[in-house]
Amino acid sequence: MKKIFDFIVEAKAELLKVNWPTKKQTLNYTLIIIGVSVVISLFLGSLDYLFGGILKNFIVK
C-alpha cells in the first residue's frame, strides 16, 4: 500500500513541474491543427478528383 501512495505523491510532484500551455496557446495550437488538416484534406481531395478524372477519361474509355 505504501508503494501506491509513494507513486501518487511522486506523480503529483512531477505534474507540478510540467509547463502547461495557457488557454490562449491551446486555442492557437488547436486552430493551427484544424487549419493544416483542412488544407491537407483539400489538397488530397483535389488530387483524388484529378486522378479520378484522368482514369475516367483515358483508361476507362
PDB file of N, CA and C in Angstrom:
ATOM      1  N   MET A   1       0.825  -1.190   0.000  1.00  0.00           N
ATOM      2  CA  MET A   1       0.000   0.000   0.000  1.00  0.00           C
ATOM      3  C   MET A   1       0.873   1.259   0.000  1.00  0.00           C
ATOM      4  N   LYS A   2       2.024   1.175   0.653  1.00  0.00           N
ATOM      5  CA  LYS A   2       2.924   2.324   0.705  1.00  0.00           C
ATOM      6  C   LYS A   2       3.468   2.651  -0.681  1.00  0.00           C
ATOM      7  N   LYS A   3       3.712   1.642  -1.510  1.00  0.00           N
ATOM      8  CA  LYS A   3       4.228   1.885  -2.858  1.00  0.00           C
ATOM      9  C   LYS A   3       3.216   2.678  -3.692  1.00  0.00           C
ATOM     10  N   ILE A   4       1.948   2.345  -3.545  1.00  0.00           N
ATOM     11  CA  ILE A   4       0.910   3.054  -4.289  1.00  0.00           C
ATOM     12  C   ILE A   4       0.855   4.513  -3.842  1.00  0.00           C
ATOM     13  N   PHE A   5       0.906   4.745  -2.539  1.00  0.00           N
ATOM     14  CA  PHE A   5       0.887   6.103  -2.012  1.00  0.00           C
ATOM     15  C   PHE A   5       2.110   6.886  -2.485  1.00  0.00           C
ATOM     16  N   ASP A   6       3.282   6.256  -2.430  1.00  0.00           N
ATOM     17  CA  ASP A   6       4.508   6.920  -2.899  1.00  0.00           C
ATOM     18  C   ASP A   6       4.416   7.266  -4.384  1.00  0.00           C
ATOM     19  N   PHE A   7       3.845   6.348  -5.169  1.00  0.00           N
ATOM     20  CA  PHE A   7       3.689   6.605  -6.599  1.00  0.00           C
ATOM     21  C   PHE A   7       2.805   7.824  -6.836  1.00  0.00           C
ATOM     22  N   ILE A   8       1.690   7.916  -6.132  1.00  0.00           N
ATOM     23  CA  ILE A   8       0.766   9.038  -6.300  1.00  0.00           C
ATOM     24  C   ILE A   8       1.440  10.348  -5.901  1.00  0.00           C
ATOM     25  N   VAL A   9       2.177  10.339  -4.821  1.00  0.00           N
ATOM     26  CA  VAL A   9       2.870  11.550  -4.373  1.00  0.00           C
ATOM     27  C   VAL A   9       3.917  11.969  -5.400  1.00  0.00           C
ATOM     28  N   GLU A  10       4.682  11.019  -5.918  1.00  0.00           N
ATOM     29  CA  GLU A  10       5.700  11.338  -6.916  1.00  0.00           C
ATOM     30  C   GLU A  10       5.084  11.796  -8.235  1.00  0.00           C
ATOM     31  N   ALA A  11       3.970  11.183  -8.619  1.00  0.00           N
ATOM     32  CA  ALA A  11       3.290  11.591  -9.854  1.00  0.00           C
ATOM     33  C   ALA A  11       2.779  13.023  -9.724  1.00  0.00           C
ATOM     34  N   LYS A  12       2.226  13.362  -8.574  1.00  0.00           N
ATOM     35  CA  LYS A  12       1.747  14.731  -8.353  1.00  0.00           C
ATOM     36  C   LYS A  12       2.912  15.714  -8.397  1.00  0.00           C
ATOM     37  N   ALA A  13       4.040  15.346  -7.810  1.00  0.00           N
ATOM     38  CA  ALA A  13       5.214  16.220  -7.826  1.00  0.00           C
ATOM     39  C   ALA A  13       5.713  16.444  -9.253  1.00  0.00           C
ATOM     40  N   GLU A  14       5.695  15.403 -10.070  1.00  0.00           N
ATOM     41  CA  GLU A  14       6.117  15.537 -11.473  1.00  0.00           C
ATOM     42  C   GLU A  14       5.147  16.406 -12.262  1.00  0.00           C
ATOM     43  N   LEU A  15       3.843  16.248 -12.025  1.00  0.00           N
ATOM     44  CA  LEU A  15       2.854  17.055 -12.740  1.00  0.00           C
ATOM     45  C   LEU A  15       2.970  18.533 -12.392  1.00  0.00           C
ATOM     46  N   LEU A  16       3.430  18.847 -11.191  1.00  0.00           N
ATOM     47  CA  LEU A  16       3.627  20.244 -10.816  1.00  0.00           C
ATOM     48  C   LEU A  16       4.828  20.856 -11.551  1.00  0.00           C
ATOM     49  N   LYS A  17       5.737  20.039 -12.035  1.00  0.00           N
ATOM     50  CA  LYS A  17       6.911  20.522 -12.766  1.00  0.00           C
ATOM     51  C   LYS A  17       6.608  20.796 -14.239  1.00  0.00           C
ATOM     52  N   VAL A  18       5.491  20.282 -14.728  1.00  0.00           N
ATOM     53  CA  VAL A  18       5.154  20.408 -16.144  1.00  0.00           C
ATOM     54  C   VAL A  18       4.809  21.855 -16.463  1.00  0.00           C
ATOM     55  N   ASN A  19       5.306  22.341 -17.601  1.00  0.00           N
ATOM     56  CA  ASN A  19       4.992  23.680 -18.070  1.00  0.00           C
ATOM     57  C   ASN A  19       3.746  23.587 -18.942  1.00  0.00           C
ATOM     58  N   TRP A  20       2.569  23.777 -18.336  1.00  0.00           N
ATOM     59  CA  TRP A  20       1.309  23.629 -19.045  1.00  0.00           C
ATOM     60  C   TRP A  20       1.069  24.843 -19.928  1.00  0.00           C
ATOM     61  N   PRO A  21       0.527  24.634 -21.149  1.00  0.00           N
ATOM     62  CA  PRO A  21       0.231  25.778 -22.021  1.00  0.00           C
ATOM     63  C   PRO A  21      -0.949  26.585 -21.483  1.00  0.00           C
ATOM     64  N   THR A  22      -0.952  27.864 -21.828  1.00  0.00           N
ATOM     65  CA  THR A  22      -2.067  28.710 -21.412  1.00  0.00           C
ATOM     66  C   THR A  22      -3.285  28.402 -22.282  1.00  0.00           C
ATOM     67  N   LYS A  23      -4.418  28.989 -21.894  1.00  0.00           N
ATOM     68  CA  LYS A  23      -5.647  28.776 -22.662  1.00  0.00           C
ATOM     69  C   LYS A  23      -5.490  29.344 -24.076  1.00  0.00           C
ATOM     70  N   LYS A  24      -4.833  30.495 -24.189  1.00  0.00           N
ATOM     71  CA  LYS A  24      -4.625  31.117 -25.496  1.00  0.00           C
ATOM     72  C   LYS A  24      -3.719  30.253 -26.372  1.00  0.00           C
ATOM     73  N   GLN A  25      -2.648  29.713 -25.805  1.00  0.00           N
ATOM     74  CA  GLN A  25      -1.741  28.843 -26.562  1.00  0.00           C
ATOM     75  C   GLN A  25      -2.476  27.587 -27.034  1.00  0.00           C
ATOM     76  N   THR A  26      -3.279  27.000 -26.163  1.00  0.00           N
ATOM     77  CA  THR A  26      -4.029  25.800 -26.520  1.00  0.00           C
ATOM     78  C   THR A  26      -4.996  26.088 -27.661  1.00  0.00           C
ATOM     79  N   LEU A  27      -5.669  27.232 -27.597  1.00  0.00           N
ATOM     80  CA  LEU A  27      -6.586  27.620 -28.666  1.00  0.00           C
ATOM     81  C   LEU A  27      -5.828  27.829 -29.972  1.00  0.00           C
ATOM     82  N   ASN A  28      -4.689  28.515 -29.918  1.00  0.00           N
ATOM     83  CA  ASN A  28      -3.891  28.741 -31.127  1.00  0.00           C
ATOM     84  C   ASN A  28      -3.410  27.431 -31.732  1.00  0.00           C
ATOM     85  N   TYR A  29      -2.902  26.535 -30.912  1.00  0.00           N
ATOM     86  CA  TYR A  29      -2.421  25.243 -31.410  1.00  0.00           C
ATOM     87  C   TYR A  29      -3.565  24.443 -32.033  1.00  0.00           C
ATOM     88  N   THR A  30      -4.738  24.495 -31.409  1.00  0.00           N
ATOM     89  CA  THR A  30      -5.895  23.777 -31.938  1.00  0.00           C
ATOM     90  C   THR A  30      -6.299  24.329 -33.298  1.00  0.00           C
ATOM     91  N   LEU A  31      -6.326  25.654 -33.428  1.00  0.00           N
ATOM     92  CA  LEU A  31      -6.691  26.274 -34.701  1.00  0.00           C
ATOM     93  C   LEU A  31      -5.657  25.959 -35.784  1.00  0.00           C
ATOM     94  N   ILE A  32      -4.391  25.910 -35.415  1.00  0.00           N
ATOM     95  CA  ILE A  32      -3.351  25.549 -36.383  1.00  0.00           C
ATOM     96  C   ILE A  32      -3.562  24.126 -36.880  1.00  0.00           C
ATOM     97  N   ILE A  33      -3.835  23.205 -35.971  1.00  0.00           N
ATOM     98  CA  ILE A  33      -4.053  21.804 -36.343  1.00  0.00           C
ATOM     99  C   ILE A  33      -5.270  21.679 -37.257  1.00  0.00           C
ATOM    100  N   ILE A  34      -6.352  22.376 -36.918  1.00  0.00           N
ATOM    101  CA  ILE A  34      -7.553  22.315 -37.750  1.00  0.00           C
ATOM    102  C   ILE A  34      -7.264  22.899 -39.131  1.00  0.00           C
ATOM    103  N   GLY A  35      -6.547  24.035 -39.185  1.00  0.00           N
ATOM    104  CA  GLY A  35      -6.222  24.662 -40.460  1.00  0.00           C
ATOM    105  C   GLY A  35      -5.361  23.777 -41.344  1.00  0.00           C
ATOM    106  N   VAL A  36      -4.329  23.184 -40.762  1.00  0.00           N
ATOM    107  CA  VAL A  36      -3.443  22.294 -41.525  1.00  0.00           C
ATOM    108  C   VAL A  36      -4.217  21.074 -42.010  1.00  0.00           C
ATOM    109  N   SER A  37      -5.087  20.545 -41.176  1.00  0.00           N
ATOM    110  CA  SER A  37      -5.890  19.387 -41.570  1.00  0.00           C
ATOM    111  C   SER A  37      -6.807  19.713 -42.742  1.00  0.00           C
ATOM    112  N   VAL A  38      -7.417  20.894 -42.721  1.00  0.00           N
ATOM    113  CA  VAL A  38      -8.297  21.300 -43.817  1.00  0.00           C
ATOM    114  C   VAL A  38      -7.499  21.466 -45.108  1.00  0.00           C
ATOM    115  N   VAL A  39      -6.336  22.111 -45.021  1.00  0.00           N
ATOM    116  CA  VAL A  39      -5.505  22.320 -46.215  1.00  0.00           C
ATOM    117  C   VAL A  39      -5.062  20.982 -46.805  1.00  0.00           C
ATOM    118  N   ILE A  40      -4.614  20.072 -45.969  1.00  0.00           N
ATOM    119  CA  ILE A  40      -4.169  18.766 -46.457  1.00  0.00           C
ATOM    120  C   ILE A  40      -5.338  17.987 -47.056  1.00  0.00           C
ATOM    121  N   SER A  41      -6.504  18.049 -46.418  1.00  0.00           N
ATOM    122  CA  SER A  41      -7.657  17.315 -46.965  1.00  0.00           C
ATOM    123  C   SER A  41      -8.090  17.896 -48.308  1.00  0.00           C
ATOM    124  N   LEU A  42      -8.043  19.219 -48.455  1.00  0.00           N
ATOM    125  CA  LEU A  42      -8.372  19.821 -49.745  1.00  0.00           C
ATOM    126  C   LEU A  42      -7.361  19.427 -50.815  1.00  0.00           C
ATOM    127  N   PHE A  43      -6.087  19.399 -50.448  1.00  0.00           N
ATOM    128  CA  PHE A  43      -5.047  19.005 -51.393  1.00  0.00           C
ATOM    129  C   PHE A  43      -5.231  17.555 -51.843  1.00  0.00           C
ATOM    130  N   LEU A  44      -5.415  16.667 -50.877  1.00  0.00           N
ATOM    131  CA  LEU A  44      -5.591  15.254 -51.220  1.00  0.00           C
ATOM    132  C   LEU A  44      -6.897  15.016 -51.976  1.00  0.00           C
ATOM    133  N   GLY A  45      -7.940  15.739 -51.606  1.00  0.00           N
ATOM    134  CA  GLY A  45      -9.206  15.615 -52.324  1.00  0.00           C
ATOM    135  C   GLY A  45      -9.088  16.082 -53.759  1.00  0.00           C
ATOM    136  N   SER A  46      -8.343  17.160 -53.981  1.00  0.00           N
ATOM    137  CA  SER A  46      -8.160  17.638 -55.358  1.00  0.00           C
ATOM    138  C   SER A  46      -7.325  16.656 -56.177  1.00  0.00           C
ATOM    139  N   LEU A  47      -6.314  16.048 -55.559  1.00  0.00           N
ATOM    140  CA  LEU A  47      -5.541  15.030 -56.270  1.00  0.00           C
ATOM    141  C   LEU A  47      -6.412  13.829 -56.620  1.00  0.00           C
ATOM    142  N   ASP A  48      -7.258  13.427 -55.687  1.00  0.00           N
ATOM    143  CA  ASP A  48      -8.169  12.311 -55.947  1.00  0.00           C
ATOM    144  C   ASP A  48      -9.105  12.636 -57.102  1.00  0.00           C
ATOM    145  N   TYR A  49      -9.658  13.839 -57.092  1.00  0.00           N
ATOM    146  CA  TYR A  49     -10.550  14.268 -58.163  1.00  0.00           C
ATOM    147  C   TYR A  49      -9.806  14.308 -59.501  1.00  0.00           C
ATOM    148  N   LEU A  50      -8.594  14.841 -59.493  1.00  0.00           N
ATOM    149  CA  LEU A  50      -7.786  14.936 -60.716  1.00  0.00           C
ATOM    150  C   LEU A  50      -7.464  13.551 -61.282  1.00  0.00           C
ATOM    151  N   PHE A  51      -6.946  12.673 -60.444  1.00  0.00           N
ATOM    152  CA  PHE A  51      -6.577  11.345 -60.914  1.00  0.00           C
ATOM    153  C   PHE A  51      -7.804  10.514 -61.282  1.00  0.00           C
ATOM    154  N   GLY A  52      -8.909  10.730 -60.570  1.00  0.00           N
ATOM    155  CA  GLY A  52     -10.156  10.049 -60.936  1.00  0.00           C
ATOM    156  C   GLY A  52     -10.631  10.475 -62.307  1.00  0.00           C
ATOM    157  N   GLY A  53     -10.529  11.762 -62.594  1.00  0.00           N
ATOM    158  CA  GLY A  53     -10.892  12.251 -63.917  1.00  0.00           C
ATOM    159  C   GLY A  53      -9.978  11.722 -65.006  1.00  0.00           C
ATOM    160  N   ILE A  54      -8.685  11.661 -64.703  1.00  0.00           N
ATOM    161  CA  ILE A  54      -7.739  11.103 -65.669  1.00  0.00           C
ATOM    162  C   ILE A  54      -8.063   9.641 -65.955  1.00  0.00           C
ATOM    163  N   LEU A  55      -8.302   8.874 -64.930  1.00  0.00           N
ATOM    164  CA  LEU A  55      -8.642   7.458 -65.123  1.00  0.00           C
ATOM    165  C   LEU A  55      -9.941   7.312 -65.907  1.00  0.00           C
ATOM    166  N   LYS A  56     -10.914   8.135 -65.593  1.00  0.00           N
ATOM    167  CA  LYS A  56     -12.218   8.031 -66.252  1.00  0.00           C
ATOM    168  C   LYS A  56     -12.097   8.397 -67.746  1.00  0.00           C
ATOM    169  N   ASN A  57     -11.301   9.394 -68.069  1.00  0.00           N
ATOM    170  CA  ASN A  57     -11.211   9.862 -69.455  1.00  0.00           C
ATOM    171  C   ASN A  57     -10.266   9.026 -70.323  1.00  0.00           C
ATOM    172  N   PHE A  58      -9.186   8.562 -69.777  1.00  0.00           N
ATOM    173  CA  PHE A  58      -8.170   7.909 -70.609  1.00  0.00           C
ATOM    174  C   PHE A  58      -8.133   6.388 -70.483  1.00  0.00           C
ATOM    175  N   ILE A  59      -8.428   5.872 -69.336  1.00  0.00           N
ATOM    176  CA  ILE A  59      -8.274   4.428 -69.134  1.00  0.00           C
ATOM    177  C   ILE A  59      -9.602   3.699 -69.293  1.00  0.00           C
ATOM    178  N   VAL A  60     -10.665   4.248 -68.762  1.00  0.00           N
ATOM    179  CA  VAL A  60     -11.945   3.565 -68.761  1.00  0.00           C
ATOM    180  C   VAL A  60     -12.573   3.582 -70.152  1.00  0.00           C
ATOM    181  N   LYS A  61     -12.285   4.603 -70.953  1.00  0.00           N
ATOM    182  CA  LYS A  61     -12.859   4.691 -72.298  1.00  0.00           C
ATOM    183  C   LYS A  61     -12.526   3.473 -73.047  1.00  0.00           C
TER     184      LYS A  61
END
